[in-house]
Amino acid sequence: MSVQVVNKINDLINKIKDIKAEGKTIALVPTMGCLHDGHKSLMLKAKSLADIVIISVFVNPIQFCPGEDYDKYPRTLDNDMLVAQSAGVSIIFAPSVNEMYPGLQKFSDLTMVVPPYELTDIMCGKSRIGHFDGVETVVSKLFNIVQPDYACFGMKDIQQLFLIKKMVKDLNFPVEIISCPLIREESGLALSSRNKYLSAEAKIKAITISQALFAVRDSFNAGIKDAKKLLDTALAVLDKDIELEYLEFVDKETFKTIENIESNTICAIAARINNVRLIDNVLLEV
């Protein structure tokens, strides 16, 4: 059975009603398209959990900050359909911007879901002001439209995952959030739709981002617990052309920044090469 593409919210809601009436379960995988093997792993996990898998393919304008790559973000729906079908997806929800935000003239006119400031004034949220407001708003809309039993999110976007779990708990969304492992290329580079922007030379340099994280993990496993020393370890590995935005250590359970590293600490990084922004992380645990 081929995957169905649905563009209208009301059409999807009617399909959801029929699915629910048949007693079937639904798993949702929110995406911005340009699907790769990382996305496919989420879809396969979703397929193992529920009768029906629905993915969204929507490049969400309200999570892009001024000067970011919204206009040039890859849009590859035809290929996305092939990837989704190979993973057993039943429905692709691919709305227009006007369908999701009808008549919207400016973002300040929109009712937004805003996560706690103390949890967004770190890591990606510190440089991408308002980014997570846009993420949580669109994910809330998707949850309300799709009414999923499960929703699968990758651990590459680790701050996003933490904030969505908190939102679901705080706002009582009746959905189980499934954390799915970060998927890497054979080189170690974390899979990302933005990897398409990298030249062959830039990609070789970008690999040092994951290598820096692995060096931090190795040093931690060797007994080094001081955040400054671990940062120096990472800096020694990063290619000189990599522009480091942050490398932070946060508690896995609270996401509070820590300096003396203990078990269950996330080491997260954001860096740019040729103005392509990449993120990655590793878990430090005994």
C-alpha atoms as a PDB file:
ATOM      1  CA  MET A   1       0.000   0.000   0.000  1.00  0.00           C
ATOM      2  CA  SER A   2       1.481   3.353  -1.039  1.00  0.00           C
ATOM      3  CA  VAL A   3       1.934   6.211   1.392  1.00  0.00           C
ATOM      4  CA  GLN A   4      -0.782   8.870   1.292  1.00  0.00           C
ATOM      5  CA  VAL A   5       0.072  12.563   1.220  1.00  0.00           C
ATOM      6  CA  VAL A   6      -2.408  14.803   3.023  1.00  0.00           C
ATOM      7  CA  ASN A   7      -2.134  18.594   2.768  1.00  0.00           C
ATOM      8  CA  LYS A   8      -5.220  19.796   4.638  1.00  0.00           C
ATOM      9  CA  ILE A   9      -5.719  19.700   8.399  1.00  0.00           C
ATOM     10  CA  ASN A  10      -9.422  18.832   8.200  1.00  0.00           C
ATOM     11  CA  ASP A  11      -8.718  15.971   5.776  1.00  0.00           C
ATOM     12  CA  LEU A  12      -6.179  14.532   8.199  1.00  0.00           C
ATOM     13  CA  ILE A  13      -8.503  14.958  11.172  1.00  0.00           C
ATOM     14  CA  ASN A  14     -11.191  12.987   9.331  1.00  0.00           C
ATOM     15  CA  LYS A  15      -8.708  10.212   8.552  1.00  0.00           C
ATOM     16  CA  ILE A  16      -7.632  10.156  12.200  1.00  0.00           C
ATOM     17  CA  LYS A  17     -11.267   9.726  13.269  1.00  0.00           C
ATOM     18  CA  ASP A  18     -11.601   6.682  11.005  1.00  0.00           C
ATOM     19  CA  ILE A  19      -8.324   5.209  12.296  1.00  0.00           C
ATOM     20  CA  LYS A  20      -9.380   5.689  15.906  1.00  0.00           C
ATOM     21  CA  ALA A  21     -12.830   4.258  15.201  1.00  0.00           C
ATOM     22  CA  GLU A  22     -11.119   1.064  14.030  1.00  0.00           C
ATOM     23  CA  GLY A  23      -9.279   0.877  17.351  1.00  0.00           C
ATOM     24  CA  LYS A  24      -5.881   1.384  15.759  1.00  0.00           C
ATOM     25  CA  THR A  25      -2.942   3.094  17.433  1.00  0.00           C
ATOM     26  CA  ILE A  26      -0.982   5.953  15.882  1.00  0.00           C
ATOM     27  CA  ALA A  27       2.673   6.935  16.086  1.00  0.00           C
ATOM     28  CA  LEU A  28       3.779  10.366  14.880  1.00  0.00           C
ATOM     29  CA  VAL A  29       7.223  11.371  13.597  1.00  0.00           C
ATOM     30  CA  PRO A  30       7.462  15.165  13.178  1.00  0.00           C
ATOM     31  CA  THR A  31      10.024  16.188  10.534  1.00  0.00           C
ATOM     32  CA  MET A  32      10.941  19.089   8.303  1.00  0.00           C
ATOM     33  CA  GLY A  33      11.535  16.718   5.416  1.00  0.00           C
ATOM     34  CA  CYS A  34      14.762  16.098   3.498  1.00  0.00           C
ATOM     35  CA  LEU A  35      14.570  12.650   5.040  1.00  0.00           C
ATOM     36  CA  HIS A  36      17.691  10.586   5.703  1.00  0.00           C
ATOM     37  CA  ASP A  37      18.531   7.370   7.541  1.00  0.00           C
ATOM     38  CA  GLY A  38      18.222   9.137  10.884  1.00  0.00           C
ATOM     39  CA  HIS A  39      14.597   9.975  10.112  1.00  0.00           C
ATOM     40  CA  LYS A  40      14.065   6.466   8.786  1.00  0.00           C
ATOM     41  CA  SER A  41      15.204   4.999  12.102  1.00  0.00           C
ATOM     42  CA  LEU A  42      12.502   7.065  13.826  1.00  0.00           C
ATOM     43  CA  MET A  43       9.869   5.812  11.385  1.00  0.00           C
ATOM     44  CA  LEU A  44      10.915   2.198  11.854  1.00  0.00           C
ATOM     45  CA  LYS A  45      10.713   2.621  15.616  1.00  0.00           C
ATOM     46  CA  ALA A  46       7.272   4.184  15.222  1.00  0.00           C
ATOM     47  CA  LYS A  47       6.203   1.250  13.025  1.00  0.00           C
ATOM     48  CA  SER A  48       7.246  -1.174  15.767  1.00  0.00           C
ATOM     49  CA  LEU A  49       5.018   0.629  18.268  1.00  0.00           C
ATOM     50  CA  ALA A  50       1.780   1.441  16.450  1.00  0.00           C
ATOM     51  CA  ASP A  51      -0.605   0.256  13.766  1.00  0.00           C
ATOM     52  CA  ILE A  52      -0.395   3.490  11.787  1.00  0.00           C
ATOM     53  CA  VAL A  53       2.640   5.728  11.319  1.00  0.00           C
ATOM     54  CA  ILE A  54       2.115   9.356  10.349  1.00  0.00           C
ATOM     55  CA  ILE A  55       4.964  11.724   9.614  1.00  0.00           C
ATOM     56  CA  SER A  56       4.798  15.443   9.127  1.00  0.00           C
ATOM     57  CA  VAL A  57       6.883  17.111   6.439  1.00  0.00           C
ATOM     58  CA  PHE A  58       6.712  20.811   7.222  1.00  0.00           C
ATOM     59  CA  VAL A  59       9.491  23.376   7.209  1.00  0.00           C
ATOM     60  CA  ASN A  60       8.239  25.415  10.133  1.00  0.00           C
ATOM     61  CA  PRO A  61       8.971  29.122   9.641  1.00  0.00           C
ATOM     62  CA  ILE A  62       8.370  30.143  13.244  1.00  0.00           C
ATOM     63  CA  GLN A  63      11.326  28.138  14.541  1.00  0.00           C
ATOM     64  CA  PHE A  64      13.804  29.860  12.227  1.00  0.00           C
ATOM     65  CA  CYS A  65      15.506  32.969  13.535  1.00  0.00           C
ATOM     66  CA  PRO A  66      16.385  36.033  11.409  1.00  0.00           C
ATOM     67  CA  GLY A  67      19.270  35.285   9.067  1.00  0.00           C
ATOM     68  CA  GLU A  68      18.828  31.506   9.256  1.00  0.00           C
ATOM     69  CA  ASP A  69      18.322  29.147   6.326  1.00  0.00           C
ATOM     70  CA  TYR A  70      14.517  28.921   6.104  1.00  0.00           C
ATOM     71  CA  ASP A  71      14.307  29.895   2.427  1.00  0.00           C
ATOM     72  CA  LYS A  72      17.058  27.524   1.305  1.00  0.00           C
ATOM     73  CA  TYR A  73      16.210  24.653   3.658  1.00  0.00           C
ATOM     74  CA  PRO A  74      16.028  21.517   1.443  1.00  0.00           C
ATOM     75  CA  ARG A  75      12.523  20.588   0.329  1.00  0.00           C
ATOM     76  CA  THR A  76      12.488  17.108  -1.239  1.00  0.00           C
ATOM     77  CA  LEU A  77       8.953  15.768  -0.922  1.00  0.00           C
ATOM     78  CA  ASP A  78       9.204  13.305  -3.831  1.00  0.00           C
ATOM     79  CA  ASN A  79      12.231  11.603  -2.285  1.00  0.00           C
ATOM     80  CA  ASP A  80      10.683  11.876   1.184  1.00  0.00           C
ATOM     81  CA  MET A  81       7.734   9.836  -0.060  1.00  0.00           C
ATOM     82  CA  LEU A  82      10.070   7.042  -1.155  1.00  0.00           C
ATOM     83  CA  VAL A  83      11.881   7.010   2.195  1.00  0.00           C
ATOM     84  CA  ALA A  84       8.615   7.069   4.118  1.00  0.00           C
ATOM     85  CA  GLN A  85       7.113   4.250   2.068  1.00  0.00           C
ATOM     86  CA  SER A  86      10.211   2.100   2.577  1.00  0.00           C
ATOM     87  CA  ALA A  87       9.756   2.517   6.343  1.00  0.00           C
ATOM     88  CA  GLY A  88       6.086   1.540   6.347  1.00  0.00           C
ATOM     89  CA  VAL A  89       4.622   5.018   6.845  1.00  0.00           C
ATOM     90  CA  SER A  90       0.899   5.262   6.122  1.00  0.00           C
ATOM     91  CA  ILE A  91       0.404   9.037   5.868  1.00  0.00           C
ATOM     92  CA  ILE A  92       2.599  12.057   5.182  1.00  0.00           C
ATOM     93  CA  PHE A  93       1.088  15.269   6.459  1.00  0.00           C
ATOM     94  CA  ALA A  94       2.586  18.015   4.282  1.00  0.00           C
ATOM     95  CA  PRO A  95       0.674  21.246   4.902  1.00  0.00           C
ATOM     96  CA  SER A  96       1.448  24.666   3.504  1.00  0.00           C
ATOM     97  CA  VAL A  97       2.471  27.505   5.806  1.00  0.00           C
ATOM     98  CA  ASN A  98      -0.929  29.121   5.282  1.00  0.00           C
ATOM     99  CA  GLU A  99      -2.642  25.862   6.227  1.00  0.00           C
ATOM    100  CA  MET A 100      -0.768  25.666   9.532  1.00  0.00           C
ATOM    101  CA  TYR A 101      -0.887  29.401  10.264  1.00  0.00           C
ATOM    102  CA  PRO A 102      -3.824  30.782   8.274  1.00  0.00           C
ATOM    103  CA  GLY A 103      -3.722  34.476   7.557  1.00  0.00           C
ATOM    104  CA  LEU A 104      -0.661  34.989   9.743  1.00  0.00           C
ATOM    105  CA  GLN A 105       1.007  38.313   8.972  1.00  0.00           C
ATOM    106  CA  LYS A 106       3.616  38.291  11.728  1.00  0.00           C
ATOM    107  CA  PHE A 107       4.627  35.747  14.342  1.00  0.00           C
ATOM    108  CA  SER A 108       3.715  38.076  17.217  1.00  0.00           C
ATOM    109  CA  ASP A 109       0.046  37.602  16.250  1.00  0.00           C
ATOM    110  CA  LEU A 110       0.240  33.875  16.969  1.00  0.00           C
ATOM    111  CA  THR A 111      -0.603  32.131  20.232  1.00  0.00           C
ATOM    112  CA  MET A 112       2.668  30.452  21.159  1.00  0.00           C
ATOM    113  CA  VAL A 113       3.786  27.678  23.511  1.00  0.00           C
ATOM    114  CA  VAL A 114       6.794  29.069  25.374  1.00  0.00           C
ATOM    115  CA  PRO A 115       9.156  26.834  27.377  1.00  0.00           C
ATOM    116  CA  PRO A 116      10.826  28.059  30.589  1.00  0.00           C
ATOM    117  CA  TYR A 117      13.452  30.720  29.987  1.00  0.00           C
ATOM    118  CA  GLU A 118      16.052  29.067  32.227  1.00  0.00           C
ATOM    119  CA  LEU A 119      15.925  25.967  30.003  1.00  0.00           C
ATOM    120  CA  THR A 120      16.236  27.889  26.739  1.00  0.00           C
ATOM    121  CA  ASP A 121      18.880  30.434  27.765  1.00  0.00           C
ATOM    122  CA  ILE A 122      21.498  27.730  27.257  1.00  0.00           C
ATOM    123  CA  MET A 123      22.864  25.774  24.320  1.00  0.00           C
ATOM    124  CA  CYS A 124      20.825  26.188  21.116  1.00  0.00           C
ATOM    125  CA  GLY A 125      18.276  28.472  22.742  1.00  0.00           C
ATOM    126  CA  LYS A 126      20.865  31.052  23.739  1.00  0.00           C
ATOM    127  CA  SER A 127      21.869  31.886  20.179  1.00  0.00           C
ATOM    128  CA  ARG A 128      18.538  31.031  18.521  1.00  0.00           C
ATOM    129  CA  ILE A 129      16.208  33.340  20.428  1.00  0.00           C
ATOM    130  CA  GLY A 130      12.608  32.132  20.107  1.00  0.00           C
ATOM    131  CA  HIS A 131      13.568  28.927  18.291  1.00  0.00           C
ATOM    132  CA  PHE A 132      12.087  26.612  20.889  1.00  0.00           C
ATOM    133  CA  ASP A 133       8.915  28.711  21.108  1.00  0.00           C
ATOM    134  CA  GLY A 134       8.414  27.864  17.441  1.00  0.00           C
ATOM    135  CA  VAL A 135       9.267  24.202  17.970  1.00  0.00           C
ATOM    136  CA  GLU A 136       6.910  23.691  20.878  1.00  0.00           C
ATOM    137  CA  THR A 137       4.115  25.604  19.164  1.00  0.00           C
ATOM    138  CA  VAL A 138       4.227  23.523  15.984  1.00  0.00           C
ATOM    139  CA  VAL A 139       4.632  20.254  17.888  1.00  0.00           C
ATOM    140  CA  SER A 140       1.621  21.175  20.043  1.00  0.00           C
ATOM    141  CA  LYS A 141      -0.406  21.789  16.897  1.00  0.00           C
ATOM    142  CA  LEU A 142       0.693  18.449  15.453  1.00  0.00           C
ATOM    143  CA  PHE A 143      -0.232  16.628  18.653  1.00  0.00           C
ATOM    144  CA  ASN A 144      -3.679  18.249  18.624  1.00  0.00           C
ATOM    145  CA  ILE A 145      -4.249  17.439  14.944  1.00  0.00           C
ATOM    146  CA  VAL A 146      -2.897  13.871  14.892  1.00  0.00           C
ATOM    147  CA  GLN A 147      -3.813  12.749  18.434  1.00  0.00           C
ATOM    148  CA  PRO A 148      -0.960  10.212  18.448  1.00  0.00           C
ATOM    149  CA  ASP A 149      -0.440   7.496  21.023  1.00  0.00           C
ATOM    150  CA  TYR A 150       3.316   7.784  20.502  1.00  0.00           C
ATOM    151  CA  ALA A 151       5.651  10.406  19.085  1.00  0.00           C
ATOM    152  CA  CYS A 152       9.247   9.599  18.146  1.00  0.00           C
ATOM    153  CA  PHE A 153      12.056  12.138  18.413  1.00  0.00           C
ATOM    154  CA  GLY A 154      15.782  11.701  17.831  1.00  0.00           C
ATOM    155  CA  MET A 155      18.407  12.333  20.472  1.00  0.00           C
ATOM    156  CA  LYS A 156      20.566  14.448  18.145  1.00  0.00           C
ATOM    157  CA  ASP A 157      18.338  17.411  18.996  1.00  0.00           C
ATOM    158  CA  ILE A 158      18.814  16.661  22.675  1.00  0.00           C
ATOM    159  CA  GLN A 159      17.654  20.028  24.053  1.00  0.00           C
ATOM    160  CA  GLN A 160      14.546  19.865  21.872  1.00  0.00           C
ATOM    161  CA  LEU A 161      13.806  16.356  23.129  1.00  0.00           C
ATOM    162  CA  PHE A 162      14.141  17.435  26.755  1.00  0.00           C
ATOM    163  CA  LEU A 163      11.864  20.439  26.269  1.00  0.00           C
ATOM    164  CA  ILE A 164       9.206  18.450  24.411  1.00  0.00           C
ATOM    165  CA  LYS A 165       9.145  15.835  27.176  1.00  0.00           C
ATOM    166  CA  LYS A 166       8.701  18.622  29.718  1.00  0.00           C
ATOM    167  CA  MET A 167       5.956  20.256  27.644  1.00  0.00           C
ATOM    168  CA  VAL A 168       4.054  16.975  27.383  1.00  0.00           C
ATOM    169  CA  LYS A 169       4.300  16.475  31.138  1.00  0.00           C
ATOM    170  CA  ASP A 170       3.454  20.063  32.071  1.00  0.00           C
ATOM    171  CA  LEU A 171       0.529  20.425  29.637  1.00  0.00           C
ATOM    172  CA  ASN A 172      -0.825  16.875  30.030  1.00  0.00           C
ATOM    173  CA  PHE A 173      -0.649  15.838  26.399  1.00  0.00           C
ATOM    174  CA  PRO A 174      -1.879  12.212  26.204  1.00  0.00           C
ATOM    175  CA  VAL A 175       1.093  11.017  24.149  1.00  0.00           C
ATOM    176  CA  GLU A 176       4.139   8.924  25.008  1.00  0.00           C
ATOM    177  CA  ILE A 177       7.393  10.490  23.844  1.00  0.00           C
ATOM    178  CA  ILE A 178       9.862   7.930  22.508  1.00  0.00           C
ATOM    179  CA  SER A 179      13.545   8.878  22.591  1.00  0.00           C
ATOM    180  CA  CYS A 180      15.418   7.388  19.640  1.00  0.00           C
ATOM    181  CA  PRO A 181      19.195   7.031  19.312  1.00  0.00           C
ATOM    182  CA  LEU A 182      21.286   9.495  17.358  1.00  0.00           C
ATOM    183  CA  ILE A 183      22.318   7.991  13.999  1.00  0.00           C
ATOM    184  CA  ARG A 184      25.760   8.632  12.549  1.00  0.00           C
ATOM    185  CA  GLU A 185      27.464   8.255   9.229  1.00  0.00           C
ATOM    186  CA  GLU A 186      30.242   5.661   9.107  1.00  0.00           C
ATOM    187  CA  SER A 187      32.700   8.525   9.686  1.00  0.00           C
ATOM    188  CA  GLY A 188      30.996   9.392  12.969  1.00  0.00           C
ATOM    189  CA  LEU A 189      29.376  12.587  11.687  1.00  0.00           C
ATOM    190  CA  ALA A 190      25.844  12.904  13.029  1.00  0.00           C
ATOM    191  CA  LEU A 191      23.250  12.579  10.275  1.00  0.00           C
ATOM    192  CA  SER A 192      21.573  15.891   9.505  1.00  0.00           C
ATOM    193  CA  SER A 193      19.623  17.393   6.629  1.00  0.00           C
ATOM    194  CA  ARG A 194      22.125  20.260   6.754  1.00  0.00           C
ATOM    195  CA  ASN A 195      24.990  17.919   5.855  1.00  0.00           C
ATOM    196  CA  LYS A 196      23.840  18.454   2.254  1.00  0.00           C
ATOM    197  CA  TYR A 197      25.246  21.974   2.475  1.00  0.00           C
ATOM    198  CA  LEU A 198      28.778  20.712   3.171  1.00  0.00           C
ATOM    199  CA  SER A 199      31.393  20.475   0.452  1.00  0.00           C
ATOM    200  CA  ALA A 200      33.582  17.380   0.454  1.00  0.00           C
ATOM    201  CA  GLU A 201      36.368  19.370   2.125  1.00  0.00           C
ATOM    202  CA  ALA A 202      34.045  20.899   4.713  1.00  0.00           C
ATOM    203  CA  LYS A 203      32.592  17.497   5.519  1.00  0.00           C
ATOM    204  CA  ILE A 204      36.038  16.122   6.367  1.00  0.00           C
ATOM    205  CA  LYS A 205      36.536  19.033   8.752  1.00  0.00           C
ATOM    206  CA  ALA A 206      33.031  18.601  10.203  1.00  0.00           C
ATOM    207  CA  ILE A 207      33.899  15.061  11.234  1.00  0.00           C
ATOM    208  CA  THR A 208      36.143  16.565  13.926  1.00  0.00           C
ATOM    209  CA  ILE A 209      32.963  17.696  15.730  1.00  0.00           C
ATOM    210  CA  SER A 210      32.018  14.130  16.606  1.00  0.00           C
ATOM    211  CA  GLN A 211      35.684  13.234  17.122  1.00  0.00           C
ATOM    212  CA  ALA A 212      35.929  16.017  19.703  1.00  0.00           C
ATOM    213  CA  LEU A 213      32.933  14.599  21.564  1.00  0.00           C
ATOM    214  CA  PHE A 214      34.372  11.100  21.488  1.00  0.00           C
ATOM    215  CA  ALA A 215      37.648  12.483  22.880  1.00  0.00           C
ATOM    216  CA  VAL A 216      35.696  14.123  25.718  1.00  0.00           C
ATOM    217  CA  ARG A 217      33.955  10.835  26.456  1.00  0.00           C
ATOM    218  CA  ASP A 218      37.252   8.942  26.428  1.00  0.00           C
ATOM    219  CA  SER A 219      38.806  11.477  28.803  1.00  0.00           C
ATOM    220  CA  PHE A 220      35.806  11.276  31.113  1.00  0.00           C
ATOM    221  CA  ASN A 221      36.036   7.491  31.118  1.00  0.00           C
ATOM    222  CA  ALA A 222      39.717   7.868  32.003  1.00  0.00           C
ATOM    223  CA  GLY A 223      38.751   9.792  35.122  1.00  0.00           C
ATOM    224  CA  ILE A 224      38.799  13.462  34.095  1.00  0.00           C
ATOM    225  CA  LYS A 225      35.754  15.195  35.586  1.00  0.00           C
ATOM    226  CA  ASP A 226      36.624  18.893  35.330  1.00  0.00           C
ATOM    227  CA  ALA A 227      34.579  20.652  32.621  1.00  0.00           C
ATOM    228  CA  LYS A 228      37.404  23.072  31.701  1.00  0.00           C
ATOM    229  CA  LYS A 229      39.834  20.218  31.090  1.00  0.00           C
ATOM    230  CA  LEU A 230      37.269  18.358  29.032  1.00  0.00           C
ATOM    231  CA  LEU A 231      36.586  21.493  26.990  1.00  0.00           C
ATOM    232  CA  ASP A 232      40.317  21.846  26.309  1.00  0.00           C
ATOM    233  CA  THR A 233      40.338  18.218  25.163  1.00  0.00           C
ATOM    234  CA  ALA A 234      37.595  18.981  22.638  1.00  0.00           C
ATOM    235  CA  LEU A 235      39.258  22.166  21.395  1.00  0.00           C
ATOM    236  CA  ALA A 236      42.464  20.253  20.726  1.00  0.00           C
ATOM    237  CA  VAL A 237      40.573  17.955  18.332  1.00  0.00           C
ATOM    238  CA  LEU A 238      38.330  20.425  16.502  1.00  0.00           C
ATOM    239  CA  ASP A 239      39.565  21.539  13.100  1.00  0.00           C
ATOM    240  CA  LYS A 240      40.863  25.125  13.138  1.00  0.00           C
ATOM    241  CA  ASP A 241      38.192  26.152  10.616  1.00  0.00           C
ATOM    242  CA  ILE A 242      35.373  25.008  12.892  1.00  0.00           C
ATOM    243  CA  GLU A 243      33.645  27.948  14.598  1.00  0.00           C
ATOM    244  CA  LEU A 244      32.529  26.717  18.008  1.00  0.00           C
ATOM    245  CA  GLU A 245      29.206  28.143  19.157  1.00  0.00           C
ATOM    246  CA  TYR A 246      29.077  26.206  22.405  1.00  0.00           C
ATOM    247  CA  LEU A 247      30.232  23.073  24.125  1.00  0.00           C
ATOM    248  CA  GLU A 248      28.264  22.582  27.313  1.00  0.00           C
ATOM    249  CA  PHE A 249      27.813  19.981  30.010  1.00  0.00           C
ATOM    250  CA  VAL A 250      24.298  19.600  31.394  1.00  0.00           C
ATOM    251  CA  ASP A 251      22.642  17.189  33.777  1.00  0.00           C
ATOM    252  CA  LYS A 252      20.628  14.612  31.826  1.00  0.00           C
ATOM    253  CA  GLU A 253      17.623  14.869  34.176  1.00  0.00           C
ATOM    254  CA  THR A 254      17.464  18.628  34.843  1.00  0.00           C
ATOM    255  CA  PHE A 255      19.440  20.163  31.957  1.00  0.00           C
ATOM    256  CA  LYS A 256      21.210  22.430  34.433  1.00  0.00           C
ATOM    257  CA  THR A 257      24.764  23.359  33.473  1.00  0.00           C
ATOM    258  CA  ILE A 258      27.421  21.615  35.560  1.00  0.00           C
ATOM    259  CA  GLU A 259      31.174  22.094  35.920  1.00  0.00           C
ATOM    260  CA  ASN A 260      32.244  19.019  37.876  1.00  0.00           C
ATOM    261  CA  ILE A 261      31.089  16.206  35.662  1.00  0.00           C
ATOM    262  CA  GLU A 262      29.287  13.216  37.117  1.00  0.00           C
ATOM    263  CA  SER A 263      27.550  10.251  35.519  1.00  0.00           C
ATOM    264  CA  ASN A 264      24.449  10.980  33.406  1.00  0.00           C
ATOM    265  CA  THR A 265      25.878  14.196  31.977  1.00  0.00           C
ATOM    266  CA  ILE A 266      25.210  15.296  28.411  1.00  0.00           C
ATOM    267  CA  CYS A 267      28.079  16.893  26.532  1.00  0.00           C
ATOM    268  CA  ALA A 268      26.479  18.897  23.720  1.00  0.00           C
ATOM    269  CA  ILE A 269      28.056  20.924  20.960  1.00  0.00           C
ATOM    270  CA  ALA A 270      27.002  23.366  18.259  1.00  0.00           C
ATOM    271  CA  ALA A 271      29.503  24.525  15.666  1.00  0.00           C
ATOM    272  CA  ARG A 272      29.624  26.067  12.233  1.00  0.00           C
ATOM    273  CA  ILE A 273      31.720  25.373   9.198  1.00  0.00           C
ATOM    274  CA  ASN A 274      31.268  27.531   6.093  1.00  0.00           C
ATOM    275  CA  ASN A 275      28.238  28.949   7.932  1.00  0.00           C
ATOM    276  CA  VAL A 276      26.581  25.518   8.165  1.00  0.00           C
ATOM    277  CA  ARG A 277      25.399  24.995  11.725  1.00  0.00           C
ATOM    278  CA  LEU A 278      25.734  21.452  13.068  1.00  0.00           C
ATOM    279  CA  ILE A 279      24.855  19.974  16.461  1.00  0.00           C
ATOM    280  CA  ASP A 280      25.851  16.766  18.203  1.00  0.00           C
ATOM    281  CA  ASN A 281      26.078  15.290  21.679  1.00  0.00           C
ATOM    282  CA  VAL A 282      27.264  12.327  23.719  1.00  0.00           C
ATOM    283  CA  LEU A 283      26.195  10.970  27.078  1.00  0.00           C
ATOM    284  CA  LEU A 284      28.871  10.725  29.739  1.00  0.00           C
ATOM    285  CA  GLU A 285      28.051   7.904  32.101  1.00  0.00           C
ATOM    286  CA  VAL A 286      29.952   5.475  34.246  1.00  0.00           C
END
